[in-house]
N, C-alpha and C. Protein backbone atom coordinates (compact mmCIF):
# COMPACT_ATOMS: atom_id res chain seq x y z
N MET A 1 153.92 290.12 144.94
CA MET A 1 153.88 288.67 144.93
C MET A 1 153.88 288.15 143.49
N THR A 2 153.11 288.78 142.62
CA THR A 2 153.03 288.35 141.23
C THR A 2 154.38 288.50 140.56
N HIS A 3 155.07 289.60 140.84
CA HIS A 3 156.39 289.84 140.24
C HIS A 3 157.38 288.77 140.67
N THR A 4 157.35 288.36 141.94
CA THR A 4 158.25 287.33 142.44
C THR A 4 157.94 285.99 141.79
N ALA A 5 156.66 285.66 141.68
CA ALA A 5 156.27 284.40 141.06
C ALA A 5 156.69 284.38 139.60
N PHE A 6 156.55 285.53 138.92
CA PHE A 6 156.95 285.61 137.52
C PHE A 6 158.46 285.43 137.39
N ALA A 7 159.22 286.03 138.27
CA ALA A 7 160.68 285.95 138.20
C ALA A 7 161.18 284.54 138.48
N LEU A 8 160.45 283.75 139.25
CA LEU A 8 160.90 282.41 139.58
C LEU A 8 160.43 281.36 138.57
N ASN A 9 159.56 281.72 137.68
CA ASN A 9 159.03 280.77 136.72
C ASN A 9 159.85 280.84 135.42
N PRO A 10 160.67 279.83 135.14
CA PRO A 10 161.52 279.90 133.94
C PRO A 10 160.72 279.91 132.63
N PHE A 11 159.54 279.32 132.62
CA PHE A 11 158.74 279.30 131.40
C PHE A 11 158.20 280.69 131.08
N SER A 12 157.82 281.43 132.10
CA SER A 12 157.34 282.79 131.84
C SER A 12 158.51 283.68 131.42
N LEU A 13 159.70 283.39 131.93
CA LEU A 13 160.86 284.17 131.53
C LEU A 13 161.21 283.93 130.06
N MET A 14 160.97 282.72 129.56
CA MET A 14 161.24 282.44 128.15
C MET A 14 160.29 283.23 127.24
N MET A 15 159.13 283.57 127.74
CA MET A 15 158.16 284.30 126.93
C MET A 15 158.52 285.78 126.82
N GLU A 16 159.32 286.29 127.76
CA GLU A 16 159.70 287.70 127.74
C GLU A 16 161.21 287.85 127.91
N PRO A 17 161.98 287.60 126.84
CA PRO A 17 163.43 287.66 126.95
C PRO A 17 163.95 289.06 127.31
N GLU A 18 163.23 290.11 126.92
CA GLU A 18 163.68 291.46 127.26
C GLU A 18 163.64 291.69 128.77
N ARG A 19 162.70 291.04 129.43
CA ARG A 19 162.62 291.16 130.89
C ARG A 19 163.82 290.45 131.54
N VAL A 20 164.24 289.33 130.94
CA VAL A 20 165.41 288.61 131.44
C VAL A 20 166.64 289.49 131.30
N LEU A 21 166.78 290.14 130.15
CA LEU A 21 167.93 291.02 129.94
C LEU A 21 167.93 292.18 130.94
N GLN A 22 166.78 292.76 131.19
CA GLN A 22 166.68 293.85 132.17
C GLN A 22 167.08 293.36 133.55
N THR A 23 166.63 292.18 133.92
CA THR A 23 166.96 291.62 135.23
C THR A 23 168.45 291.34 135.32
N MET A 24 169.04 290.85 134.25
CA MET A 24 170.47 290.59 134.25
C MET A 24 171.27 291.89 134.40
N GLU A 25 170.83 292.95 133.74
CA GLU A 25 171.52 294.23 133.82
C GLU A 25 171.47 294.80 135.24
N ARG A 26 170.40 294.54 135.96
CA ARG A 26 170.26 295.06 137.34
C ARG A 26 170.95 294.18 138.37
N SER A 27 171.38 293.00 138.00
CA SER A 27 171.92 292.05 138.96
C SER A 27 173.32 292.44 139.43
N GLN A 28 173.46 292.66 140.73
CA GLN A 28 174.76 292.97 141.32
C GLN A 28 175.68 291.76 141.24
N GLN A 29 175.13 290.57 141.41
CA GLN A 29 175.94 289.35 141.37
C GLN A 29 176.54 289.15 139.99
N LEU A 30 175.76 289.37 138.95
CA LEU A 30 176.29 289.21 137.60
C LEU A 30 177.33 290.28 137.28
N ARG A 31 177.10 291.51 137.76
CA ARG A 31 178.09 292.57 137.52
C ARG A 31 179.39 292.31 138.25
N GLY A 32 179.32 291.57 139.36
CA GLY A 32 180.51 291.29 140.14
C GLY A 32 181.37 290.15 139.61
N LEU A 33 180.85 289.40 138.63
CA LEU A 33 181.61 288.29 138.08
C LEU A 33 182.79 288.79 137.26
N ARG A 34 183.88 288.08 137.37
CA ARG A 34 185.03 288.41 136.54
C ARG A 34 184.75 287.89 135.13
N ARG A 35 185.12 288.68 134.16
CA ARG A 35 184.90 288.27 132.78
C ARG A 35 186.23 287.86 132.18
N HIS A 36 186.25 286.69 131.61
CA HIS A 36 187.46 286.17 130.99
C HIS A 36 187.06 285.44 129.73
N LYS A 37 187.50 285.93 128.60
CA LYS A 37 187.13 285.33 127.34
C LYS A 37 188.19 284.32 126.92
N LEU A 38 187.77 283.10 126.69
CA LEU A 38 188.67 282.04 126.25
C LEU A 38 188.52 281.84 124.75
N ARG A 39 189.62 281.57 124.12
CA ARG A 39 189.62 281.28 122.69
C ARG A 39 190.20 279.89 122.50
N PRO A 40 189.84 279.21 121.41
CA PRO A 40 190.32 277.83 121.21
C PRO A 40 191.83 277.68 121.30
N LEU A 41 192.59 278.67 120.86
CA LEU A 41 194.04 278.55 120.90
C LEU A 41 194.60 278.72 122.31
N ASP A 42 193.75 279.17 123.25
CA ASP A 42 194.18 279.31 124.64
C ASP A 42 194.26 277.96 125.33
N LYS A 43 193.63 276.95 124.75
CA LYS A 43 193.60 275.64 125.40
C LYS A 43 194.96 274.96 125.23
N PRO A 44 195.46 274.33 126.26
CA PRO A 44 196.74 273.63 126.12
C PRO A 44 196.58 272.39 125.24
N LEU A 45 197.61 272.12 124.46
CA LEU A 45 197.58 270.92 123.63
C LEU A 45 197.87 269.70 124.50
N ILE A 46 197.14 268.64 124.25
CA ILE A 46 197.33 267.41 125.00
C ILE A 46 198.27 266.52 124.18
N PRO A 47 199.43 266.20 124.71
CA PRO A 47 200.33 265.35 123.93
C PRO A 47 199.81 263.92 123.88
N TYR A 48 199.87 263.32 122.70
CA TYR A 48 199.43 261.95 122.53
C TYR A 48 200.65 261.03 122.46
N THR A 49 200.55 259.90 123.10
CA THR A 49 201.63 258.92 123.04
C THR A 49 201.54 258.16 121.72
N GLN A 50 202.60 257.51 121.33
CA GLN A 50 202.58 256.72 120.10
C GLN A 50 201.54 255.60 120.20
N GLU A 51 201.41 255.05 121.39
CA GLU A 51 200.42 253.99 121.60
C GLU A 51 199.00 254.50 121.37
N ALA A 52 198.71 255.70 121.88
CA ALA A 52 197.38 256.28 121.70
C ALA A 52 197.12 256.59 120.23
N LEU A 53 198.14 257.11 119.52
CA LEU A 53 197.98 257.40 118.10
C LEU A 53 197.77 256.13 117.29
N ALA A 54 198.52 255.07 117.63
CA ALA A 54 198.37 253.79 116.93
C ALA A 54 197.00 253.20 117.19
N SER A 55 196.51 253.30 118.42
CA SER A 55 195.20 252.78 118.77
C SER A 55 194.11 253.52 118.00
N ARG A 56 194.23 254.84 117.92
CA ARG A 56 193.25 255.64 117.19
C ARG A 56 193.27 255.27 115.70
N ALA A 57 194.47 255.12 115.13
CA ALA A 57 194.58 254.75 113.71
C ALA A 57 193.97 253.38 113.45
N ALA A 58 194.20 252.43 114.36
CA ALA A 58 193.63 251.09 114.20
C ALA A 58 192.11 251.14 114.27
N PHE A 59 191.58 251.93 115.19
CA PHE A 59 190.13 252.07 115.32
C PHE A 59 189.54 252.69 114.06
N ASP A 60 190.17 253.77 113.57
CA ASP A 60 189.69 254.41 112.35
C ASP A 60 189.72 253.44 111.17
N GLU A 61 190.78 252.67 111.06
CA GLU A 61 190.89 251.69 109.97
C GLU A 61 189.81 250.62 110.07
N ALA A 62 189.51 250.18 111.28
CA ALA A 62 188.45 249.18 111.47
C ALA A 62 187.09 249.74 111.04
N ILE A 63 186.83 250.97 111.39
CA ILE A 63 185.57 251.62 110.99
C ILE A 63 185.51 251.75 109.47
N ASP A 64 186.63 252.20 108.86
CA ASP A 64 186.66 252.35 107.40
C ASP A 64 186.47 251.00 106.71
N GLU A 65 187.07 249.95 107.24
CA GLU A 65 186.95 248.62 106.65
C GLU A 65 185.49 248.14 106.73
N GLN A 66 184.85 248.41 107.85
CA GLN A 66 183.44 248.02 108.00
C GLN A 66 182.58 248.77 106.98
N ASP A 67 182.89 250.07 106.78
CA ASP A 67 182.14 250.85 105.79
C ASP A 67 182.34 250.28 104.38
N ARG A 68 183.58 249.91 104.06
CA ARG A 68 183.86 249.33 102.74
C ARG A 68 183.09 248.02 102.55
N GLN A 69 183.05 247.19 103.57
CA GLN A 69 182.31 245.93 103.49
C GLN A 69 180.82 246.18 103.31
N ASP A 70 180.29 247.15 104.06
CA ASP A 70 178.86 247.47 103.93
C ASP A 70 178.53 247.98 102.53
N GLU A 71 179.41 248.82 101.97
CA GLU A 71 179.18 249.33 100.62
C GLU A 71 179.25 248.21 99.59
N ALA A 72 180.22 247.30 99.74
CA ALA A 72 180.35 246.18 98.81
C ALA A 72 179.13 245.28 98.89
N ARG A 73 178.64 245.02 100.10
CA ARG A 73 177.45 244.20 100.28
C ARG A 73 176.24 244.86 99.62
N ALA A 74 176.10 246.17 99.82
CA ALA A 74 174.97 246.89 99.24
C ALA A 74 175.06 246.89 97.72
N PHE A 75 176.28 247.00 97.18
CA PHE A 75 176.46 247.01 95.73
C PHE A 75 176.10 245.65 95.14
N LEU A 76 176.51 244.58 95.81
CA LEU A 76 176.23 243.24 95.31
C LEU A 76 174.75 242.88 95.39
N LEU A 77 174.05 243.43 96.37
CA LEU A 77 172.63 243.12 96.52
C LEU A 77 171.77 243.90 95.53
N ASN A 78 172.30 244.96 94.99
CA ASN A 78 171.49 245.78 94.05
C ASN A 78 171.72 245.35 92.67
């Protein structure tokens, strides 16, 4: 009973990570999972429309302009 209660308590599992690793190694369900390693270049590229690129550029410019105004205001106040 104590072993079951310990296994179900995530806080006690955090205190003994080696026990978690042992449990994972014995798990039939985990051994049965297919392993597939993904790398960043495996992701498909999402094509952007000209409208989306223009919108992003306008947003970036608005943020940059706000930063320039804030810096100018801070410079004038000092």
